[in-house]
PDB file of N, CA and C in Angstrom:
ATOM      1  N   MET A   1     104.446  85.943  90.694  1.00  0.00           N
ATOM      2  CA  MET A   1     103.746  85.883  89.423  1.00  0.00           C
ATOM      3  C   MET A   1     104.760  86.048  88.304  1.00  0.00           C
ATOM      4  N   ASN A   2     104.407  85.630  87.111  1.00  0.00           N
ATOM      5  CA  ASN A   2     105.346  85.772  85.993  1.00  0.00           C
ATOM      6  C   ASN A   2     105.295  87.206  85.450  1.00  0.00           C
ATOM      7  N   ILE A   3     106.200  87.520  84.546  1.00  0.00           N
ATOM      8  CA  ILE A   3     106.348  88.894  84.068  1.00  0.00           C
ATOM      9  C   ILE A   3     105.122  89.370  83.279  1.00  0.00           C
ATOM     10  N   ILE A   4     104.450  88.461  82.593  1.00  0.00           N
ATOM     11  CA  ILE A   4     103.251  88.853  81.835  1.00  0.00           C
ATOM     12  C   ILE A   4     102.129  89.229  82.782  1.00  0.00           C
ATOM     13  N   GLU A   5     101.889  88.400  83.785  1.00  0.00           N
ATOM     14  CA  GLU A   5     100.852  88.705  84.774  1.00  0.00           C
ATOM     15  C   GLU A   5     101.171  90.005  85.506  1.00  0.00           C
ATOM     16  N   ALA A   6     102.428  90.166  85.911  1.00  0.00           N
ATOM     17  CA  ALA A   6     102.836  91.367  86.639  1.00  0.00           C
ATOM     18  C   ALA A   6     102.680  92.620  85.776  1.00  0.00           C
ATOM     19  N   THR A   7     103.040  92.524  84.499  1.00  0.00           N
ATOM     20  CA  THR A   7     102.930  93.675  83.597  1.00  0.00           C
ATOM     21  C   THR A   7     101.471  94.066  83.391  1.00  0.00           C
ATOM     22  N   LYS A   8     100.611  93.089  83.157  1.00  0.00           N
ATOM     23  CA  LYS A   8      99.182  93.386  82.980  1.00  0.00           C
ATOM     24  C   LYS A   8      98.601  94.051  84.217  1.00  0.00           C
ATOM     25  N   LYS A   9      98.942  93.510  85.380  1.00  0.00           N
ATOM     26  CA  LYS A   9      98.434  94.058  86.636  1.00  0.00           C
ATOM     27  C   LYS A   9      98.984  95.472  86.882  1.00  0.00           C
ATOM     28  N   ALA A  10     100.265  95.672  86.587  1.00  0.00           N
ATOM     29  CA  ALA A  10     100.882  96.990  86.771  1.00  0.00           C
ATOM     30  C   ALA A  10     100.231  98.037  85.870  1.00  0.00           C
ATOM     31  N   LEU A  11      99.932  97.669  84.626  1.00  0.00           N
ATOM     32  CA  LEU A  11      99.258  98.599  83.716  1.00  0.00           C
ATOM     33  C   LEU A  11      97.850  98.927  84.215  1.00  0.00           C
ATOM     34  N   ASP A  12      97.129  97.913  84.707  1.00  0.00           N
ATOM     35  CA  ASP A  12      95.772  98.133  85.230  1.00  0.00           C
ATOM     36  C   ASP A  12      95.768  99.038  86.456  1.00  0.00           C
ATOM     37  N   GLU A  13      96.790  98.865  87.316  1.00  0.00           N
ATOM     38  CA  GLU A  13      96.826  99.594  88.585  1.00  0.00           C
ATOM     39  C   GLU A  13      97.778 100.789  88.574  1.00  0.00           C
ATOM     40  N   ASN A  14      98.376 101.077  87.404  1.00  0.00           N
ATOM     41  CA  ASN A  14      99.302 102.194  87.258  1.00  0.00           C
ATOM     42  C   ASN A  14     100.460 102.092  88.254  1.00  0.00           C
ATOM     43  N   LYS A  15     101.108 100.929  88.274  1.00  0.00           N
ATOM     44  CA  LYS A  15     102.222 100.683  89.173  1.00  0.00           C
ATOM     45  C   LYS A  15     103.425 100.171  88.392  1.00  0.00           C
ATOM     46  N   ALA A  16     104.531 100.021  89.092  1.00  0.00           N
ATOM     47  CA  ALA A  16     105.751  99.462  88.518  1.00  0.00           C
ATOM     48  C   ALA A  16     105.854  97.993  88.936  1.00  0.00           C
ATOM     49  N   ILE A  17     106.831  97.286  88.364  1.00  0.00           N
ATOM     50  CA  ILE A  17     107.106  95.907  88.766  1.00  0.00           C
ATOM     51  C   ILE A  17     108.564  95.793  89.187  1.00  0.00           C
ATOM     52  N   THR A  18     108.841  94.786  89.983  1.00  0.00           N
ATOM     53  CA  THR A  18     110.201  94.490  90.411  1.00  0.00           C
ATOM     54  C   THR A  18     110.249  93.040  90.858  1.00  0.00           C
ATOM     55  N   ASN A  19     111.429  92.565  91.157  1.00  0.00           N
ATOM     56  CA  ASN A  19     111.591  91.251  91.773  1.00  0.00           C
ATOM     57  C   ASN A  19     112.651  91.390  92.847  1.00  0.00           C
ATOM     58  N   ASP A  20     112.919  90.339  93.581  1.00  0.00           N
ATOM     59  CA  ASP A  20     113.830  90.457  94.721  1.00  0.00           C
ATOM     60  C   ASP A  20     115.222  90.942  94.326  1.00  0.00           C
ATOM     61  N   ASP A  21     115.757  90.453  93.219  1.00  0.00           N
ATOM     62  CA  ASP A  21     117.098  90.863  92.795  1.00  0.00           C
ATOM     63  C   ASP A  21     117.134  92.328  92.357  1.00  0.00           C
ATOM     64  N   TYR A  22     116.155  92.736  91.567  1.00  0.00           N
ATOM     65  CA  TYR A  22     116.107  94.129  91.121  1.00  0.00           C
ATOM     66  C   TYR A  22     115.860  95.055  92.308  1.00  0.00           C
ATOM     67  N   LYS A  23     114.938  94.680  93.188  1.00  0.00           N
ATOM     68  CA  LYS A  23     114.604  95.520  94.340  1.00  0.00           C
ATOM     69  C   LYS A  23     115.807  95.714  95.245  1.00  0.00           C
ATOM     70  N   GLU A  24     116.587  94.643  95.437  1.00  0.00           N
ATOM     71  CA  GLU A  24     117.766  94.738  96.284  1.00  0.00           C
ATOM     72  C   GLU A  24     118.761  95.760  95.750  1.00  0.00           C
ATOM     73  N   SER A  25     118.838  95.868  94.426  1.00  0.00           N
ATOM     74  CA  SER A  25     119.748  96.855  93.833  1.00  0.00           C
ATOM     75  C   SER A  25     119.063  98.187  93.556  1.00  0.00           C
ATOM     76  N   GLY A  26     117.800  98.341  93.995  1.00  0.00           N
ATOM     77  CA  GLY A  26     117.114  99.619  93.873  1.00  0.00           C
ATOM     78  C   GLY A  26     116.543  99.907  92.508  1.00  0.00           C
ATOM     79  N   VAL A  27     116.147  98.871  91.766  1.00  0.00           N
ATOM     80  CA  VAL A  27     115.645  99.068  90.408  1.00  0.00           C
ATOM     81  C   VAL A  27     114.189  98.632  90.316  1.00  0.00           C
ATOM     82  N   ILE A  28     113.391  99.456  89.651  1.00  0.00           N
ATOM     83  CA  ILE A  28     112.007  99.107  89.341  1.00  0.00           C
ATOM     84  C   ILE A  28     111.804  99.260  87.837  1.00  0.00           C
ATOM     85  N   ILE A  29     110.812  98.570  87.308  1.00  0.00           N
ATOM     86  CA  ILE A  29     110.505  98.643  85.877  1.00  0.00           C
ATOM     87  C   ILE A  29     109.092  99.173  85.735  1.00  0.00           C
ATOM     88  N   ILE A  30     108.932 100.193  84.917  1.00  0.00           N
ATOM     89  CA  ILE A  30     107.628 100.808  84.704  1.00  0.00           C
ATOM     90  C   ILE A  30     107.148 100.434  83.303  1.00  0.00           C
ATOM     91  N   PRO A  31     106.157  99.540  83.210  1.00  0.00           N
ATOM     92  CA  PRO A  31     105.621  99.205  81.890  1.00  0.00           C
ATOM     93  C   PRO A  31     104.742 100.348  81.384  1.00  0.00           C
ATOM     94  N   THR A  32     104.823 100.656  80.108  1.00  0.00           N
ATOM     95  CA  THR A  32     104.015 101.724  79.528  1.00  0.00           C
ATOM     96  C   THR A  32     103.330 101.208  78.260  1.00  0.00           C
ATOM     97  N   THR A  33     102.346 101.941  77.804  1.00  0.00           N
ATOM     98  CA  THR A  33     101.705 101.628  76.534  1.00  0.00           C
ATOM     99  C   THR A  33     102.237 102.525  75.427  1.00  0.00           C
ATOM    100  N   SER A  34     103.244 103.305  75.737  1.00  0.00           N
ATOM    101  CA  SER A  34     103.838 104.227  74.778  1.00  0.00           C
ATOM    102  C   SER A  34     104.825 103.507  73.871  1.00  0.00           C
ATOM    103  N   ALA A  35     104.676 103.668  72.581  1.00  0.00           N
ATOM    104  CA  ALA A  35     105.581 103.034  71.623  1.00  0.00           C
ATOM    105  C   ALA A  35     107.002 103.571  71.776  1.00  0.00           C
ATOM    106  N   SER A  36     107.139 104.826  72.184  1.00  0.00           N
ATOM    107  CA  SER A  36     108.476 105.409  72.281  1.00  0.00           C
ATOM    108  C   SER A  36     109.174 105.067  73.596  1.00  0.00           C
ATOM    109  N   LEU A  37     108.437 104.574  74.598  1.00  0.00           N
ATOM    110  CA  LEU A  37     109.062 104.275  75.881  1.00  0.00           C
ATOM    111  C   LEU A  37     109.136 102.784  76.193  1.00  0.00           C
ATOM    112  N   GLY A  38     108.103 102.021  75.892  1.00  0.00           N
ATOM    113  CA  GLY A  38     108.122 100.588  76.198  1.00  0.00           C
ATOM    114  C   GLY A  38     108.209 100.345  77.691  1.00  0.00           C
ATOM    115  N   MET A  39     109.190  99.581  78.120  1.00  0.00           N
ATOM    116  CA  MET A  39     109.429  99.314  79.538  1.00  0.00           C
ATOM    117  C   MET A  39     110.535 100.262  79.996  1.00  0.00           C
ATOM    118  N   VAL A  40     110.291 101.014  81.046  1.00  0.00           N
ATOM    119  CA  VAL A  40     111.255 101.991  81.545  1.00  0.00           C
ATOM    120  C   VAL A  40     111.933 101.441  82.789  1.00  0.00           C
ATOM    121  N   LEU A  41     113.237 101.426  82.797  1.00  0.00           N
ATOM    122  CA  LEU A  41     114.030 100.980  83.932  1.00  0.00           C
ATOM    123  C   LEU A  41     114.390 102.199  84.765  1.00  0.00           C
ATOM    124  N   MET A  42     114.152 102.118  86.075  1.00  0.00           N
ATOM    125  CA  MET A  42     114.342 103.293  86.910  1.00  0.00           C
ATOM    126  C   MET A  42     114.818 102.886  88.291  1.00  0.00           C
ATOM    127  N   GLY A  43     115.665 103.703  88.876  1.00  0.00           N
ATOM    128  CA  GLY A  43     116.106 103.467  90.246  1.00  0.00           C
ATOM    129  C   GLY A  43     115.093 104.020  91.236  1.00  0.00           C
ATOM    130  N   ASP A  44     114.919 103.348  92.360  1.00  0.00           N
ATOM    131  CA  ASP A  44     113.973 103.837  93.361  1.00  0.00           C
ATOM    132  C   ASP A  44     114.672 104.360  94.607  1.00  0.00           C
ATOM    133  N   LYS A  45     116.004 104.352  94.611  1.00  0.00           N
ATOM    134  CA  LYS A  45     116.758 104.820  95.769  1.00  0.00           C
ATOM    135  C   LYS A  45     117.674 105.962  95.345  1.00  0.00           C
ATOM    136  N   PRO A  46     117.783 106.978  96.166  1.00  0.00           N
ATOM    137  CA  PRO A  46     118.675 108.091  95.809  1.00  0.00           C
ATOM    138  C   PRO A  46     120.139 107.719  95.991  1.00  0.00           C
ATOM    139  N   TYR A  47     120.982 108.470  95.336  1.00  0.00           N
ATOM    140  CA  TYR A  47     122.420 108.346  95.535  1.00  0.00           C
ATOM    141  C   TYR A  47     122.954 109.749  95.738  1.00  0.00           C
ATOM    142  N   PHE A  48     124.196 109.870  96.163  1.00  0.00           N
ATOM    143  CA  PHE A  48     124.767 111.187  96.431  1.00  0.00           C
ATOM    144  C   PHE A  48     125.872 111.483  95.436  1.00  0.00           C
ATOM    145  N   ARG A  49     125.787 112.687  94.845  1.00  0.00           N
ATOM    146  CA  ARG A  49     126.788 113.126  93.873  1.00  0.00           C
ATOM    147  C   ARG A  49     127.573 114.271  94.500  1.00  0.00           C
ATOM    148  N   LYS A  50     128.881 114.205  94.386  1.00  0.00           N
ATOM    149  CA  LYS A  50     129.737 115.233  94.963  1.00  0.00           C
ATOM    150  C   LYS A  50     129.620 116.526  94.160  1.00  0.00           C
ATOM    151  N   THR A  51     129.458 117.630  94.859  1.00  0.00           N
ATOM    152  CA  THR A  51     129.414 118.960  94.235  1.00  0.00           C
ATOM    153  C   THR A  51     130.470 119.839  94.900  1.00  0.00           C
ATOM    154  N   ASN A  52     130.579 121.078  94.456  1.00  0.00           N
ATOM    155  CA  ASN A  52     131.523 122.012  95.064  1.00  0.00           C
ATOM    156  C   ASN A  52     131.161 122.313  96.513  1.00  0.00           C
ATOM    157  N   ASN A  53     129.879 122.226  96.837  1.00  0.00           N
ATOM    158  CA  ASN A  53     129.414 122.564  98.183  1.00  0.00           C
ATOM    159  C   ASN A  53     129.162 121.339  99.061  1.00  0.00           C
ATOM    160  N   GLY A  54     129.645 120.197  98.686  1.00  0.00           N
ATOM    161  CA  GLY A  54     129.415 118.983  99.473  1.00  0.00           C
ATOM    162  C   GLY A  54     128.824 117.887  98.607  1.00  0.00           C
ATOM    163  N   TYR A  55     127.692 117.357  99.039  1.00  0.00           N
ATOM    164  CA  TYR A  55     127.031 116.279  98.311  1.00  0.00           C
ATOM    165  C   TYR A  55     125.585 116.649  98.039  1.00  0.00           C
ATOM    166  N   GLU A  56     125.094 116.209  96.898  1.00  0.00           N
ATOM    167  CA  GLU A  56     123.729 116.483  96.478  1.00  0.00           C
ATOM    168  C   GLU A  56     123.013 115.149  96.278  1.00  0.00           C
ATOM    169  N   GLU A  57     121.804 115.028  96.854  1.00  0.00           N
ATOM    170  CA  GLU A  57     121.032 113.799  96.681  1.00  0.00           C
ATOM    171  C   GLU A  57     120.385 113.810  95.304  1.00  0.00           C
ATOM    172  N   LYS A  58     120.550 112.722  94.570  1.00  0.00           N
ATOM    173  CA  LYS A  58     119.992 112.597  93.223  1.00  0.00           C
ATOM    174  C   LYS A  58     119.290 111.258  93.099  1.00  0.00           C
ATOM    175  N   TYR A  59     118.324 111.183  92.196  1.00  0.00           N
ATOM    176  CA  TYR A  59     117.696 109.913  91.841  1.00  0.00           C
ATOM    177  C   TYR A  59     118.169 109.527  90.448  1.00  0.00           C
ATOM    178  N   PRO A  60     118.355 108.239  90.195  1.00  0.00           N
ATOM    179  CA  PRO A  60     118.799 107.820  88.850  1.00  0.00           C
ATOM    180  C   PRO A  60     117.803 108.256  87.779  1.00  0.00           C
ATOM    181  N   GLU A  61     118.327 108.592  86.629  1.00  0.00           N
ATOM    182  CA  GLU A  61     117.497 108.964  85.486  1.00  0.00           C
ATOM    183  C   GLU A  61     116.816 107.722  84.921  1.00  0.00           C
ATOM    184  N   PRO A  62     115.574 107.827  84.501  1.00  0.00           N
ATOM    185  CA  PRO A  62     114.928 106.673  83.860  1.00  0.00           C
ATOM    186  C   PRO A  62     115.641 106.288  82.569  1.00  0.00           C
ATOM    187  N   ARG A  63     115.661 105.030  82.264  1.00  0.00           N
ATOM    188  CA  ARG A  63     116.268 104.525  81.030  1.00  0.00           C
ATOM    189  C   ARG A  63     115.196 103.831  80.202  1.00  0.00           C
ATOM    190  N   ARG A  64     115.190 104.119  78.907  1.00  0.00           N
ATOM    191  CA  ARG A  64     114.166 103.553  78.017  1.00  0.00           C
ATOM    192  C   ARG A  64     114.563 102.187  77.489  1.00  0.00           C
ATOM    193  N   TYR A  65     113.553 101.511  76.996  1.00  0.00           N
ATOM    194  CA  TYR A  65     113.727 100.272  76.230  1.00  0.00           C
ATOM    195  C   TYR A  65     114.411  99.151  76.985  1.00  0.00           C
ATOM    196  N   TRP A  66     114.000  98.883  78.198  1.00  0.00           N
ATOM    197  CA  TRP A  66     114.520  97.715  78.894  1.00  0.00           C
ATOM    198  C   TRP A  66     114.005  96.479  78.181  1.00  0.00           C
ATOM    199  N   ASN A  67     114.883  95.591  77.820  1.00  0.00           N
ATOM    200  CA  ASN A  67     114.517  94.340  77.167  1.00  0.00           C
ATOM    201  C   ASN A  67     114.838  93.193  78.110  1.00  0.00           C
ATOM    202  N   PRO A  68     113.815  92.535  78.636  1.00  0.00           N
ATOM    203  CA  PRO A  68     114.087  91.432  79.564  1.00  0.00           C
ATOM    204  C   PRO A  68     114.771  90.274  78.866  1.00  0.00           C
ATOM    205  N   GLY A  69     115.721  89.662  79.568  1.00  0.00           N
ATOM    206  CA  GLY A  69     116.388  88.474  79.048  1.00  0.00           C
ATOM    207  C   GLY A  69     115.571  87.233  79.385  1.00  0.00           C
ATOM    208  N   SER A  70     116.021  86.087  78.923  1.00  0.00           N
ATOM    209  CA  SER A  70     115.277  84.851  79.161  1.00  0.00           C
ATOM    210  C   SER A  70     115.138  84.563  80.656  1.00  0.00           C
ATOM    211  N   GLU A  71     116.167  84.873  81.436  1.00  0.00           N
ATOM    212  CA  GLU A  71     116.086  84.661  82.881  1.00  0.00           C
ATOM    213  C   GLU A  71     114.970  85.519  83.492  1.00  0.00           C
ATOM    214  N   ASP A  72     114.843  86.769  83.034  1.00  0.00           N
ATOM    215  CA  ASP A  72     113.779  87.652  83.521  1.00  0.00           C
ATOM    216  C   ASP A  72     112.402  87.120  83.141  1.00  0.00           C
ATOM    217  N   ILE A  73     112.267  86.632  81.935  1.00  0.00           N
ATOM    218  CA  ILE A  73     110.979  86.147  81.437  1.00  0.00           C
ATOM    219  C   ILE A  73     110.536  84.885  82.185  1.00  0.00           C
ATOM    220  N   LEU A  74     111.471  84.036  82.548  1.00  0.00           N
ATOM    221  CA  LEU A  74     111.136  82.777  83.198  1.00  0.00           C
ATOM    222  C   LEU A  74     110.936  82.894  84.716  1.00  0.00           C
ATOM    223  N   ARG A  75     111.284  84.012  85.291  1.00  0.00           N
ATOM    224  CA  ARG A  75     111.116  84.196  86.741  1.00  0.00           C
ATOM    225  C   ARG A  75     109.645  84.157  87.121  1.00  0.00           C
ATOM    226  N   GLU A  76     109.368  83.704  88.315  1.00  0.00           N
ATOM    227  CA  GLU A  76     107.999  83.661  88.842  1.00  0.00           C
ATOM    228  C   GLU A  76     107.851  84.523  90.092  1.00  0.00           C
ATOM    229  N   ASP A  77     108.843  85.396  90.359  1.00  0.00           N
ATOM    230  CA  ASP A  77     108.792  86.200  91.577  1.00  0.00           C
ATOM    231  C   ASP A  77     108.593  87.698  91.310  1.00  0.00           C
ATOM    232  N   TRP A  78     107.990  88.022  90.177  1.00  0.00           N
ATOM    233  CA  TRP A  78     107.685  89.427  89.890  1.00  0.00           C
ATOM    234  C   TRP A  78     106.563  89.903  90.797  1.00  0.00           C
ATOM    235  N   LYS A  79     106.666  91.151  91.236  1.00  0.00           N
ATOM    236  CA  LYS A  79     105.613  91.717  92.076  1.00  0.00           C
ATOM    237  C   LYS A  79     105.439  93.186  91.745  1.00  0.00           C
ATOM    238  N   LEU A  80     104.323  93.723  92.162  1.00  0.00           N
ATOM    239  CA  LEU A  80     104.052  95.143  91.938  1.00  0.00           C
ATOM    240  C   LEU A  80     104.832  95.976  92.926  1.00  0.00           C
ATOM    241  N   TYR A  81     105.182  97.172  92.493  1.00  0.00           N
ATOM    242  CA  TYR A  81     105.897  98.115  93.360  1.00  0.00           C
ATOM    243  C   TYR A  81     105.055  99.351  93.497  1.00  0.00           C
TER     244      TYR A  81
END
């Protein structure tokens, strides 16, 4: 589905959206109705950060204001996550 259809469906079902390229790199997009957040870009896979005691599992911090490029807008492989 295109990004508009996917966004509408994600808002209705309280889900995120992704596509094959984003999913492969562990990224999901959370559409919101909040003026201060817009579309939130977020990682769905943990990574490990080195600490004094070894390694600590962390999840990427959400990033605000994802602006899709023309390639993102024209894709037809968006799906719910």
